[in-house]
């Protein structure tokens, strides 16, 4: 979300219905290890999610998709999907997104106290899970998205 690793042709505010951001993926590579997993974001079923849609120039799409898939589909916990998003101007467009596979062993759903523990302990080749969460919250703040579950979780992690 906050690190696309490509230059979009255009960025627009958008809403994704039917999915919400959740700290629901046990990270065993980037923000944790198999012995000491961290917790990272996934798009999970239900609710809705406000964010940004990043437009990709048609000629750039194959290379960008390949790069994103190589980064996000390492363990199979994410499923690539084209999902309809509503842009701020009212148009509905398809957006390429990764949703969490609830049947995958890395899918996590549990009490907030356990989420706090997982975020605090997680550290992998991409850094600390706490720093990932903080970067997510900072990005949400820059987008004008405040008082989310991510904000509440970060406050608890930092207590």
N, C-alpha and C. Protein backbone atom coordinates (compact mmCIF):
# COMPACT_ATOMS: atom_id res chain seq x y z
N UNK A 1 0.83 -1.19 0.00
CA UNK A 1 0.00 0.00 0.00
C UNK A 1 0.87 1.25 0.00
N UNK A 2 1.81 1.33 0.91
CA UNK A 2 2.62 2.54 1.01
C UNK A 2 3.94 2.41 0.27
N UNK A 3 4.17 1.27 -0.36
CA UNK A 3 5.42 1.06 -1.10
C UNK A 3 5.11 0.30 -2.39
N UNK A 4 4.54 0.98 -3.38
CA UNK A 4 4.17 0.25 -4.59
C UNK A 4 5.37 -0.24 -5.41
N UNK A 5 6.51 0.42 -5.31
CA UNK A 5 7.72 0.06 -6.07
C UNK A 5 7.56 0.27 -7.58
N UNK A 6 6.64 1.14 -7.97
CA UNK A 6 6.54 1.55 -9.36
C UNK A 6 5.94 2.96 -9.38
N UNK A 7 6.13 3.65 -10.50
CA UNK A 7 5.59 5.00 -10.64
C UNK A 7 4.23 4.91 -11.34
N UNK A 8 3.15 5.20 -10.60
CA UNK A 8 1.82 5.14 -11.23
C UNK A 8 1.63 6.28 -12.23
N UNK A 9 0.84 6.00 -13.26
CA UNK A 9 0.49 7.02 -14.23
C UNK A 9 -0.47 8.03 -13.63
N UNK A 10 -1.26 7.58 -12.63
CA UNK A 10 -2.24 8.44 -11.98
C UNK A 10 -2.60 7.80 -10.63
N UNK A 11 -2.94 8.63 -9.66
CA UNK A 11 -3.39 8.14 -8.35
C UNK A 11 -4.71 8.81 -8.03
N UNK A 12 -5.69 8.02 -7.63
CA UNK A 12 -7.02 8.56 -7.31
C UNK A 12 -7.53 7.98 -6.00
N UNK A 13 -8.22 8.79 -5.19
CA UNK A 13 -8.91 8.23 -4.02
C UNK A 13 -9.93 7.18 -4.48
N UNK A 14 -10.06 6.10 -3.72
CA UNK A 14 -10.96 5.03 -4.12
C UNK A 14 -11.48 4.29 -2.88
N UNK A 15 -12.61 3.61 -3.07
CA UNK A 15 -13.19 2.76 -2.03
C UNK A 15 -13.39 1.36 -2.60
N UNK A 16 -12.95 0.38 -1.82
CA UNK A 16 -13.13 -1.02 -2.17
C UNK A 16 -14.19 -1.59 -1.24
N UNK A 17 -15.32 -1.99 -1.78
CA UNK A 17 -16.40 -2.56 -0.98
C UNK A 17 -16.22 -4.07 -0.88
N UNK A 18 -16.61 -4.61 0.29
CA UNK A 18 -16.56 -6.05 0.48
C UNK A 18 -15.27 -6.58 1.06
N UNK A 19 -14.30 -5.67 1.28
CA UNK A 19 -12.99 -6.05 1.82
C UNK A 19 -12.51 -4.97 2.78
N UNK A 20 -11.73 -5.36 3.77
CA UNK A 20 -11.18 -4.39 4.71
C UNK A 20 -9.73 -4.74 5.00
N UNK A 21 -8.96 -3.71 5.40
CA UNK A 21 -7.58 -3.93 5.84
C UNK A 21 -7.61 -4.61 7.19
N UNK A 22 -6.77 -5.61 7.34
CA UNK A 22 -6.68 -6.29 8.63
C UNK A 22 -5.26 -6.81 8.83
N UNK A 23 -4.80 -6.74 10.05
CA UNK A 23 -3.53 -7.38 10.40
C UNK A 23 -3.87 -8.86 10.60
N UNK A 24 -3.79 -9.61 9.51
CA UNK A 24 -4.30 -10.98 9.52
C UNK A 24 -3.38 -11.98 8.86
N UNK A 25 -2.13 -11.59 8.61
CA UNK A 25 -1.19 -12.50 7.95
C UNK A 25 0.04 -12.67 8.83
N UNK A 26 0.34 -13.92 9.15
CA UNK A 26 1.57 -14.23 9.88
C UNK A 26 2.73 -14.09 8.91
N UNK A 27 3.63 -13.18 9.20
CA UNK A 27 4.78 -12.94 8.34
C UNK A 27 5.96 -13.79 8.79
N UNK A 28 6.43 -14.63 7.88
CA UNK A 28 7.54 -15.54 8.23
C UNK A 28 8.79 -15.25 7.40
N UNK A 29 8.74 -14.21 6.57
CA UNK A 29 9.90 -13.86 5.75
C UNK A 29 10.24 -12.39 5.95
N UNK A 30 9.35 -11.49 5.52
CA UNK A 30 9.66 -10.07 5.49
C UNK A 30 9.62 -9.40 6.87
N UNK A 31 8.68 -9.77 7.73
CA UNK A 31 8.51 -9.11 9.03
C UNK A 31 8.46 -10.11 10.17
N UNK A 32 9.07 -11.26 9.96
CA UNK A 32 9.14 -12.30 10.98
C UNK A 32 9.84 -13.52 10.41
N UNK A 33 9.88 -14.57 11.21
CA UNK A 33 10.46 -15.84 10.77
C UNK A 33 9.46 -16.94 11.11
N UNK A 34 9.71 -18.14 10.62
CA UNK A 34 8.81 -19.24 10.96
C UNK A 34 8.82 -19.51 12.46
N UNK A 35 9.97 -19.35 13.10
CA UNK A 35 10.07 -19.57 14.54
C UNK A 35 9.49 -18.42 15.35
N UNK A 36 9.49 -17.24 14.78
CA UNK A 36 9.02 -16.04 15.50
C UNK A 36 8.28 -15.12 14.51
N UNK A 37 7.06 -15.50 14.12
CA UNK A 37 6.36 -14.73 13.09
C UNK A 37 5.94 -13.34 13.56
N UNK A 38 5.86 -12.46 12.60
CA UNK A 38 5.28 -11.15 12.83
C UNK A 38 3.87 -11.15 12.27
N UNK A 39 3.26 -9.98 12.23
CA UNK A 39 1.90 -9.85 11.72
C UNK A 39 1.87 -8.69 10.74
N UNK A 40 1.27 -8.91 9.56
CA UNK A 40 1.19 -7.88 8.54
C UNK A 40 -0.22 -7.83 7.95
N UNK A 41 -0.43 -6.86 7.07
CA UNK A 41 -1.75 -6.60 6.49
C UNK A 41 -2.16 -7.60 5.43
N UNK A 42 -3.46 -7.77 5.37
CA UNK A 42 -4.09 -8.47 4.26
C UNK A 42 -5.43 -7.81 4.02
N UNK A 43 -5.96 -7.98 2.83
CA UNK A 43 -7.33 -7.57 2.56
C UNK A 43 -8.20 -8.77 2.91
N UNK A 44 -9.04 -8.62 3.92
CA UNK A 44 -9.90 -9.69 4.39
C UNK A 44 -11.35 -9.38 4.03
N UNK A 45 -12.16 -10.41 3.93
CA UNK A 45 -13.56 -10.25 3.54
C UNK A 45 -14.34 -9.39 4.52
N UNK A 46 -15.35 -8.72 3.99
CA UNK A 46 -16.34 -7.93 4.73
C UNK A 46 -15.89 -6.48 4.89
N UNK A 47 -16.86 -5.60 5.07
CA UNK A 47 -16.58 -4.19 5.29
C UNK A 47 -16.22 -3.47 4.00
N UNK A 48 -15.44 -2.41 4.17
CA UNK A 48 -14.95 -1.66 3.02
C UNK A 48 -13.64 -0.99 3.40
N UNK A 49 -12.97 -0.50 2.40
CA UNK A 49 -11.63 0.02 2.60
C UNK A 49 -11.46 1.26 1.72
N UNK A 50 -11.06 2.37 2.32
CA UNK A 50 -10.77 3.59 1.59
C UNK A 50 -9.27 3.67 1.40
N UNK A 51 -8.86 4.04 0.22
CA UNK A 51 -7.43 4.15 -0.07
C UNK A 51 -7.21 4.87 -1.38
N UNK A 52 -6.27 4.39 -2.15
CA UNK A 52 -5.94 4.99 -3.43
C UNK A 52 -5.86 3.91 -4.50
N UNK A 53 -6.34 4.25 -5.69
CA UNK A 53 -6.18 3.40 -6.86
C UNK A 53 -5.03 3.97 -7.67
N UNK A 54 -4.10 3.11 -8.03
CA UNK A 54 -2.93 3.52 -8.79
C UNK A 54 -3.07 3.03 -10.22
N UNK A 55 -3.14 3.96 -11.15
CA UNK A 55 -3.30 3.61 -12.56
C UNK A 55 -1.94 3.26 -13.15
N UNK A 56 -1.95 2.20 -13.94
CA UNK A 56 -0.73 1.75 -14.61
C UNK A 56 -0.92 1.92 -16.11
N UNK A 57 0.07 2.47 -16.77
CA UNK A 57 0.02 2.59 -18.23
C UNK A 57 -0.01 1.19 -18.83
N UNK A 58 -0.84 1.00 -19.84
CA UNK A 58 -1.04 -0.32 -20.43
C UNK A 58 0.25 -1.02 -20.81
N UNK A 59 1.18 -0.30 -21.42
CA UNK A 59 2.44 -0.91 -21.85
C UNK A 59 3.29 -1.36 -20.67
N UNK A 60 3.11 -0.72 -19.51
CA UNK A 60 3.90 -1.05 -18.32
C UNK A 60 3.31 -2.21 -17.52
N UNK A 61 2.03 -2.53 -17.77
CA UNK A 61 1.33 -3.49 -16.93
C UNK A 61 2.00 -4.86 -16.82
N UNK A 62 2.43 -5.51 -17.91
CA UNK A 62 3.02 -6.85 -17.75
C UNK A 62 4.24 -6.87 -16.80
N UNK A 63 5.13 -5.91 -16.93
CA UNK A 63 6.32 -5.89 -16.09
C UNK A 63 5.96 -5.55 -14.64
N UNK A 64 5.04 -4.61 -14.45
CA UNK A 64 4.64 -4.26 -13.08
C UNK A 64 3.92 -5.41 -12.42
N UNK A 65 3.02 -6.08 -13.12
CA UNK A 65 2.32 -7.23 -12.57
C UNK A 65 3.31 -8.32 -12.17
N UNK A 66 4.27 -8.59 -13.04
CA UNK A 66 5.29 -9.61 -12.74
C UNK A 66 6.08 -9.25 -11.48
N UNK A 67 6.46 -7.98 -11.36
CA UNK A 67 7.22 -7.54 -10.18
C UNK A 67 6.38 -7.66 -8.91
N UNK A 68 5.13 -7.20 -8.97
CA UNK A 68 4.26 -7.28 -7.80
C UNK A 68 3.98 -8.73 -7.40
N UNK A 69 3.69 -9.57 -8.38
CA UNK A 69 3.42 -10.98 -8.08
C UNK A 69 4.64 -11.65 -7.45
N UNK A 70 5.82 -11.35 -7.96
CA UNK A 70 7.04 -11.93 -7.39
C UNK A 70 7.22 -11.52 -5.93
N UNK A 71 6.84 -10.31 -5.61
CA UNK A 71 6.97 -9.80 -4.24
C UNK A 71 5.87 -10.34 -3.32
N UNK A 72 4.63 -10.39 -3.80
CA UNK A 72 3.50 -10.68 -2.93
C UNK A 72 3.07 -12.14 -2.88
N UNK A 73 3.44 -12.93 -3.85
CA UNK A 73 2.93 -14.30 -3.92
C UNK A 73 3.97 -15.34 -3.50
N UNK A 74 4.88 -14.96 -2.63
CA UNK A 74 5.98 -15.82 -2.22
C UNK A 74 5.49 -17.09 -1.52
N UNK A 75 4.54 -16.97 -0.61
CA UNK A 75 4.11 -18.13 0.18
C UNK A 75 2.71 -18.61 -0.17
N UNK A 76 1.99 -17.89 -0.99
CA UNK A 76 0.65 -18.29 -1.38
C UNK A 76 -0.46 -17.83 -0.44
N UNK A 77 -0.15 -16.98 0.54
CA UNK A 77 -1.18 -16.50 1.47
C UNK A 77 -2.08 -15.45 0.82
N UNK A 78 -1.59 -14.80 -0.23
CA UNK A 78 -2.39 -13.82 -0.94
C UNK A 78 -2.88 -14.41 -2.27
N UNK A 79 -4.10 -14.04 -2.63
CA UNK A 79 -4.69 -14.45 -3.90
C UNK A 79 -4.88 -13.21 -4.76
N UNK A 80 -4.32 -13.18 -5.97
CA UNK A 80 -4.50 -12.01 -6.83
C UNK A 80 -5.91 -12.00 -7.40
N UNK A 81 -6.52 -10.82 -7.40
CA UNK A 81 -7.89 -10.66 -7.91
C UNK A 81 -8.03 -9.30 -8.58
N UNK A 82 -8.91 -9.23 -9.57
CA UNK A 82 -9.37 -7.94 -10.07
C UNK A 82 -10.67 -7.65 -9.33
N UNK A 83 -10.69 -6.56 -8.58
CA UNK A 83 -11.84 -6.18 -7.77
C UNK A 83 -12.34 -4.81 -8.20
N UNK A 84 -13.65 -4.59 -8.16
CA UNK A 84 -14.18 -3.28 -8.54
C UNK A 84 -13.96 -2.25 -7.43
N UNK A 85 -13.37 -1.13 -7.79
CA UNK A 85 -13.22 -0.02 -6.84
C UNK A 85 -13.99 1.18 -7.37
N UNK A 86 -14.50 1.98 -6.44
CA UNK A 86 -15.23 3.19 -6.80
C UNK A 86 -14.28 4.36 -6.61
N UNK A 87 -14.00 5.07 -7.70
CA UNK A 87 -13.13 6.24 -7.64
C UNK A 87 -13.89 7.43 -7.06
N UNK A 88 -13.17 8.44 -6.64
CA UNK A 88 -13.78 9.62 -6.03
C UNK A 88 -14.70 10.37 -7.00
N UNK A 89 -14.50 10.20 -8.30
CA UNK A 89 -15.38 10.86 -9.27
C UNK A 89 -16.62 10.03 -9.59
N UNK A 90 -16.79 8.90 -8.89
CA UNK A 90 -17.98 8.07 -9.06
C UNK A 90 -17.81 6.90 -10.01
N UNK A 91 -16.77 6.91 -10.81
CA UNK A 91 -16.56 5.78 -11.74
C UNK A 91 -16.17 4.52 -10.98
N UNK A 92 -16.59 3.39 -11.51
CA UNK A 92 -16.15 2.10 -10.97
C UNK A 92 -15.17 1.49 -11.98
N UNK A 93 -14.00 1.07 -11.48
CA UNK A 93 -12.97 0.50 -12.35
C UNK A 93 -12.42 -0.77 -11.69
N UNK A 94 -11.88 -1.68 -12.50
CA UNK A 94 -11.26 -2.86 -11.91
C UNK A 94 -9.88 -2.51 -11.35
N UNK A 95 -9.56 -3.08 -10.21
CA UNK A 95 -8.25 -2.86 -9.59
C UNK A 95 -7.63 -4.21 -9.27
N UNK A 96 -6.37 -4.34 -9.55
CA UNK A 96 -5.63 -5.57 -9.24
C UNK A 96 -5.23 -5.49 -7.77
N UNK A 97 -5.62 -6.49 -7.01
CA UNK A 97 -5.36 -6.48 -5.57
C UNK A 97 -5.03 -7.89 -5.11
N UNK A 98 -4.47 -7.98 -3.92
CA UNK A 98 -4.17 -9.27 -3.30
C UNK A 98 -5.05 -9.41 -2.06
N UNK A 99 -5.87 -10.44 -2.05
CA UNK A 99 -6.72 -10.70 -0.89
C UNK A 99 -6.15 -11.89 -0.14
N UNK A 100 -6.44 -11.96 1.15
CA UNK A 100 -5.89 -13.04 1.96
C UNK A 100 -6.68 -14.32 1.71
N UNK A 101 -5.97 -15.42 1.69
CA UNK A 101 -6.56 -16.75 1.57
C UNK A 101 -6.83 -17.26 2.98
N UNK A 102 -8.07 -17.27 3.39
CA UNK A 102 -8.42 -17.69 4.75
C UNK A 102 -8.11 -19.17 5.02
N UNK A 103 -7.91 -19.94 3.98
CA UNK A 103 -7.57 -21.36 4.17
C UNK A 103 -6.07 -21.60 4.27
N UNK A 104 -5.28 -20.58 4.08
CA UNK A 104 -3.81 -20.71 4.15
C UNK A 104 -3.37 -20.72 5.61
N UNK A 105 -2.32 -21.47 5.91
CA UNK A 105 -1.86 -21.58 7.30
C UNK A 105 -1.37 -20.24 7.87
N UNK A 106 -1.01 -19.28 7.01
CA UNK A 106 -0.55 -17.98 7.51
C UNK A 106 -1.68 -17.02 7.84
N UNK A 107 -2.91 -17.39 7.49
CA UNK A 107 -4.04 -16.52 7.84
C UNK A 107 -4.21 -16.56 9.36
N UNK A 108 -4.35 -15.37 9.95
CA UNK A 108 -4.47 -15.28 11.41
C UNK A 108 -5.68 -14.44 11.77
N UNK A 109 -6.40 -14.91 12.76
CA UNK A 109 -7.51 -14.16 13.33
C UNK A 109 -7.54 -14.51 14.81
N UNK A 110 -7.40 -13.51 15.64
CA UNK A 110 -7.35 -13.78 17.07
C UNK A 110 -7.52 -12.53 17.88
N UNK A 111 -7.31 -12.66 19.18
CA UNK A 111 -7.51 -11.52 20.08
C UNK A 111 -6.45 -10.43 19.86
N UNK A 112 -6.87 -9.20 20.19
CA UNK A 112 -5.97 -8.06 20.01
C UNK A 112 -4.68 -8.22 20.82
N UNK A 113 -4.77 -8.83 21.99
CA UNK A 113 -3.57 -9.01 22.80
C UNK A 113 -2.54 -9.88 22.08
N UNK A 114 -3.01 -10.86 21.34
CA UNK A 114 -2.10 -11.71 20.56
C UNK A 114 -1.55 -10.95 19.36
N UNK A 115 -2.35 -10.10 18.75
CA UNK A 115 -1.88 -9.27 17.64
C UNK A 115 -0.75 -8.36 18.13
N UNK A 116 -0.93 -7.77 19.29
CA UNK A 116 0.10 -6.91 19.88
C UNK A 116 1.40 -7.70 20.06
N UNK A 117 1.29 -8.90 20.60
CA UNK A 117 2.48 -9.74 20.83
C UNK A 117 3.18 -10.08 19.52
N UNK A 118 2.41 -10.45 18.50
CA UNK A 118 2.99 -10.81 17.21
C UNK A 118 3.68 -9.63 16.54
N UNK A 119 3.07 -8.45 16.62
CA UNK A 119 3.69 -7.26 16.02
C UNK A 119 4.96 -6.90 16.78
N UNK A 120 4.93 -6.99 18.09
CA UNK A 120 6.13 -6.66 18.88
C UNK A 120 7.28 -7.61 18.59
N UNK A 121 6.99 -8.89 18.40
CA UNK A 121 8.07 -9.87 18.25
C UNK A 121 8.60 -9.99 16.83
N UNK A 122 7.80 -9.61 15.83
CA UNK A 122 8.15 -9.88 14.44
C UNK A 122 9.31 -9.07 13.91
N UNK A 123 10.29 -9.77 13.37
CA UNK A 123 11.42 -9.14 12.68
C UNK A 123 11.94 -10.12 11.65
N UNK A 124 12.00 -9.65 10.39
CA UNK A 124 12.45 -10.51 9.30
C UNK A 124 13.36 -9.74 8.37
N UNK A 125 13.55 -10.29 7.17
CA UNK A 125 14.51 -9.66 6.25
C UNK A 125 14.05 -8.27 5.77
N UNK A 126 12.76 -7.95 5.93
CA UNK A 126 12.26 -6.62 5.57
C UNK A 126 12.22 -5.66 6.74
N UNK A 127 12.61 -6.13 7.94
CA UNK A 127 12.60 -5.27 9.11
C UNK A 127 11.60 -5.74 10.16
N UNK A 128 11.27 -4.82 11.06
CA UNK A 128 10.38 -5.14 12.18
C UNK A 128 8.91 -4.98 11.79
N UNK A 129 8.08 -5.86 12.32
CA UNK A 129 6.63 -5.76 12.10
C UNK A 129 6.10 -4.46 12.68
N UNK A 130 6.63 -4.01 13.78
CA UNK A 130 6.20 -2.76 14.40
C UNK A 130 6.45 -1.59 13.45
N UNK A 131 7.61 -1.57 12.79
CA UNK A 131 7.94 -0.49 11.87
C UNK A 131 7.04 -0.53 10.63
N UNK A 132 6.69 -1.73 10.19
CA UNK A 132 5.75 -1.89 9.08
C UNK A 132 4.40 -1.30 9.45
N UNK A 133 3.92 -1.62 10.63
CA UNK A 133 2.65 -1.08 11.10
C UNK A 133 2.73 0.44 11.22
N UNK A 134 3.81 0.96 11.77
CA UNK A 134 3.97 2.41 11.91
C UNK A 134 4.00 3.10 10.54
N UNK A 135 4.67 2.50 9.56
CA UNK A 135 4.70 3.07 8.21
C UNK A 135 3.30 3.06 7.59
N UNK A 136 2.55 2.01 7.86
CA UNK A 136 1.18 1.93 7.37
C UNK A 136 0.33 3.05 7.96
N UNK A 137 0.42 3.23 9.27
CA UNK A 137 -0.34 4.28 9.96
C UNK A 137 0.08 5.66 9.44
N UNK A 138 1.36 5.87 9.27
CA UNK A 138 1.85 7.16 8.75
C UNK A 138 1.28 7.42 7.35
N UNK A 139 1.26 6.39 6.52
CA UNK A 139 0.72 6.54 5.17
C UNK A 139 -0.79 6.83 5.23
N UNK A 140 -1.51 6.12 6.06
CA UNK A 140 -2.94 6.38 6.22
C UNK A 140 -3.17 7.82 6.66
N UNK A 141 -2.37 8.31 7.61
CA UNK A 141 -2.49 9.70 8.06
C UNK A 141 -2.28 10.68 6.91
N UNK A 142 -1.26 10.43 6.07
CA UNK A 142 -1.00 11.30 4.93
C UNK A 142 -2.17 11.32 3.95
N UNK A 143 -2.90 10.20 3.89
CA UNK A 143 -4.06 10.11 3.01
C UNK A 143 -5.32 10.70 3.65
N UNK A 144 -5.20 11.13 4.92
CA UNK A 144 -6.36 11.68 5.61
C UNK A 144 -7.26 10.61 6.20
N UNK A 145 -6.73 9.42 6.37
CA UNK A 145 -7.49 8.30 6.93
C UNK A 145 -7.01 8.10 8.37
N UNK A 146 -7.86 8.43 9.32
CA UNK A 146 -7.47 8.44 10.73
C UNK A 146 -8.37 7.50 11.54
N UNK A 147 -7.95 7.23 12.76
CA UNK A 147 -8.74 6.46 13.73
C UNK A 147 -9.17 5.09 13.18
N UNK A 148 -8.21 4.37 12.63
CA UNK A 148 -8.47 3.03 12.12
C UNK A 148 -8.01 1.98 13.13
N UNK A 149 -8.32 0.74 12.84
CA UNK A 149 -7.84 -0.37 13.68
C UNK A 149 -6.32 -0.40 13.69
N UNK A 150 -5.68 0.04 12.61
CA UNK A 150 -4.21 0.08 12.56
C UNK A 150 -3.67 1.10 13.56
N UNK A 151 -4.33 2.25 13.65
CA UNK A 151 -3.93 3.28 14.62
C UNK A 151 -4.04 2.74 16.05
N UNK A 152 -5.17 2.09 16.34
CA UNK A 152 -5.38 1.55 17.70
C UNK A 152 -4.34 0.48 18.03
N UNK A 153 -4.06 -0.39 17.06
CA UNK A 153 -3.09 -1.45 17.31
C UNK A 153 -1.70 -0.86 17.55
N UNK A 154 -1.30 0.12 16.78
CA UNK A 154 0.02 0.73 16.98
C UNK A 154 0.13 1.35 18.37
N UNK A 155 -0.92 2.03 18.82
CA UNK A 155 -0.89 2.60 20.18
C UNK A 155 -0.67 1.49 21.22
N UNK A 156 -1.35 0.38 21.07
CA UNK A 156 -1.18 -0.73 22.02
C UNK A 156 0.21 -1.34 21.93
N UNK A 157 0.73 -1.49 20.73
CA UNK A 157 2.08 -2.05 20.55
C UNK A 157 3.11 -1.16 21.23
N UNK A 158 2.94 0.15 21.15
CA UNK A 158 3.90 1.09 21.69
C UNK A 158 3.73 1.37 23.19
N UNK A 159 2.69 0.85 23.81
CA UNK A 159 2.50 1.08 25.26
C UNK A 159 3.56 0.36 26.06
